[in-house]
Amino acid sequence: MTLQVLLPSGIFTAKTAVLRLVAETRAGAFGLLPQRLDCVAALTPGILSYETKADGEVFLAVDEGVLVKTGPDVSVSVRRALGGTDLGQLREAVEREFLTRDEHEQRTRQVMAKLETGFLRRLAAVQHE
């Protein structure tokens, strides 16, 4: 299989001759082998692993995104990704970087929604006067 991990800013990694791949979704982890049928999966923040003969098993910390497998090509589009050799450090990075940022973004969205709602109420009140 060929694997491309894509970020909004460009290609994070591109590999050929990938023997297997494991990704995390809300339903749990699942694996891909070269002969698996085409699929699409929504990824959650977690560890993506793949194996090649040249590199052995490689681990990437990825943020939420989408995985698409079409034939021998696998594309993973995520907001952020980190590479590393220590699986424990990558898991900590996921928890520290990705999950805490998501909580902050949720709070920001909630505040923005409240501001928008207040603005619309005031605008509606002005129009009724």
Protein backbone atom coordinates (compact mmCIF):
# COMPACT_ATOMS: atom_id res chain seq x y z
CA MET A 1 0.00 0.00 0.00
CA THR A 2 1.02 3.61 -0.31
CA LEU A 3 0.34 5.96 2.59
CA GLN A 4 0.09 9.73 2.64
CA VAL A 5 -0.52 11.64 5.86
CA LEU A 6 -1.78 15.08 4.90
CA LEU A 7 -1.93 18.24 7.03
CA PRO A 8 -3.62 21.53 6.09
CA SER A 9 -0.15 22.95 5.42
CA GLY A 10 1.11 20.06 3.26
CA ILE A 11 2.26 16.44 3.27
CA PHE A 12 3.48 15.22 6.66
CA THR A 13 4.74 11.87 5.36
CA ALA A 14 4.46 9.70 2.26
CA LYS A 15 5.43 6.02 2.32
CA THR A 16 5.36 3.19 -0.17
CA ALA A 17 5.31 -0.56 0.42
CA VAL A 18 3.26 -0.25 3.61
CA LEU A 19 2.48 -3.76 4.87
CA ARG A 20 -0.21 -2.85 7.40
CA LEU A 21 -1.76 0.16 9.12
CA VAL A 22 -3.69 0.59 12.38
CA ALA A 23 -5.81 3.70 13.10
CA GLU A 24 -8.19 4.80 15.88
CA THR A 25 -11.85 5.71 15.42
CA ARG A 26 -14.68 6.34 17.89
CA ALA A 27 -15.64 2.68 17.55
CA GLY A 28 -12.09 1.58 18.42
CA ALA A 29 -8.91 0.72 16.57
CA PHE A 30 -8.99 -1.04 13.22
CA GLY A 31 -6.35 -2.38 10.88
CA LEU A 32 -5.82 -2.20 7.15
CA LEU A 33 -4.04 -4.78 5.04
CA PRO A 34 -3.31 -4.35 1.32
CA GLN A 35 -6.22 -6.56 0.19
CA ARG A 36 -8.88 -4.89 2.35
CA LEU A 37 -11.85 -3.39 0.54
CA ASP A 38 -12.00 0.36 0.01
CA CYS A 39 -13.25 2.32 3.00
CA VAL A 40 -13.58 5.70 4.69
CA ALA A 41 -13.20 6.25 8.44
CA ALA A 42 -13.43 9.26 10.75
CA LEU A 43 -10.35 9.29 12.98
CA THR A 44 -10.14 10.45 16.57
CA PRO A 45 -7.01 11.86 18.22
CA GLY A 46 -4.72 8.93 18.88
CA ILE A 47 -1.86 6.82 17.59
CA LEU A 48 -1.64 5.74 13.96
CA SER A 49 0.83 2.95 13.30
CA TYR A 50 2.10 1.49 10.07
CA GLU A 51 4.75 -1.04 9.12
CA THR A 52 7.18 -1.21 6.22
CA LYS A 53 10.07 -3.60 5.63
CA ALA A 54 12.53 -0.71 5.52
CA ASP A 55 11.36 1.19 8.64
CA GLY A 56 9.69 -1.52 10.70
CA GLU A 57 6.78 -0.33 12.82
CA VAL A 58 6.33 3.46 12.92
CA PHE A 59 4.03 5.40 15.25
CA LEU A 60 2.45 8.80 14.60
CA ALA A 61 0.34 10.86 16.98
CA VAL A 62 -2.53 12.26 14.90
CA ASP A 63 -5.38 14.63 15.60
CA GLU A 64 -8.91 14.01 14.39
CA GLY A 65 -9.34 13.59 10.67
CA VAL A 66 -10.36 11.25 7.87
CA LEU A 67 -8.81 8.08 6.47
CA VAL A 68 -9.65 7.06 2.88
CA LYS A 69 -8.52 3.77 1.30
CA THR A 70 -8.98 3.38 -2.44
CA GLY A 71 -7.27 0.37 -3.96
CA PRO A 72 -3.65 0.32 -2.78
CA ASP A 73 -3.68 4.02 -1.78
CA VAL A 74 -4.38 5.21 1.76
CA SER A 75 -4.75 8.92 2.49
CA VAL A 76 -5.00 10.22 6.03
CA SER A 77 -6.01 13.88 6.37
CA VAL A 78 -5.59 15.29 9.87
CA ARG A 79 -5.27 18.72 11.46
CA ARG A 80 -2.02 17.95 13.31
CA ALA A 81 0.49 15.09 13.46
CA LEU A 82 3.63 14.31 15.44
CA GLY A 83 6.21 11.62 14.83
CA GLY A 84 8.39 9.91 17.39
CA THR A 85 10.02 6.70 18.46
CA ASP A 86 8.70 6.35 22.02
CA LEU A 87 5.08 5.20 22.06
CA GLY A 88 4.55 6.44 25.64
CA GLN A 89 5.71 9.95 24.77
CA LEU A 90 3.47 10.02 21.70
CA ARG A 91 0.44 8.96 23.79
CA GLU A 92 1.22 11.76 26.27
CA ALA A 93 1.54 14.21 23.37
CA VAL A 94 -1.91 13.21 22.11
CA GLU A 95 -3.42 13.79 25.54
CA ARG A 96 -1.50 17.01 26.17
CA GLU A 97 -1.54 18.66 22.74
CA PHE A 98 -4.59 17.44 20.87
CA LEU A 99 -7.20 16.71 23.52
CA THR A 100 -6.55 19.85 25.60
CA ARG A 101 -6.63 22.01 22.46
CA ASP A 102 -9.95 20.45 21.52
CA GLU A 103 -11.39 21.36 24.94
CA HIS A 104 -10.14 24.94 24.52
CA GLU A 105 -11.62 25.13 21.03
CA GLN A 106 -14.97 23.84 22.34
CA ARG A 107 -15.05 26.52 25.04
CA THR A 108 -14.19 29.17 22.45
CA ARG A 109 -16.99 27.95 20.17
CA GLN A 110 -19.46 28.04 23.08
CA VAL A 111 -18.51 31.63 23.91
CA MET A 112 -18.82 32.63 20.25
CA ALA A 113 -22.25 30.95 20.02
CA LYS A 114 -23.43 32.89 23.08
CA LEU A 115 -22.16 36.17 21.59
CA GLU A 116 -23.89 35.44 18.29
CA THR A 117 -27.15 34.53 20.04
CA GLY A 118 -27.06 37.72 22.10
CA PHE A 119 -26.37 39.79 19.01
CA LEU A 120 -29.27 38.20 17.11
CA ARG A 121 -31.66 38.78 20.05
CA ARG A 122 -30.69 42.45 20.23
CA LEU A 123 -31.03 42.83 16.48
CA ALA A 124 -34.48 41.23 16.56
CA ALA A 125 -35.53 43.52 19.43
CA VAL A 126 -34.37 46.61 17.49
CA GLN A 127 -36.30 45.52 14.40
CA HIS A 128 -39.52 45.02 16.39
CA GLU A 129 -39.35 48.55 17.85
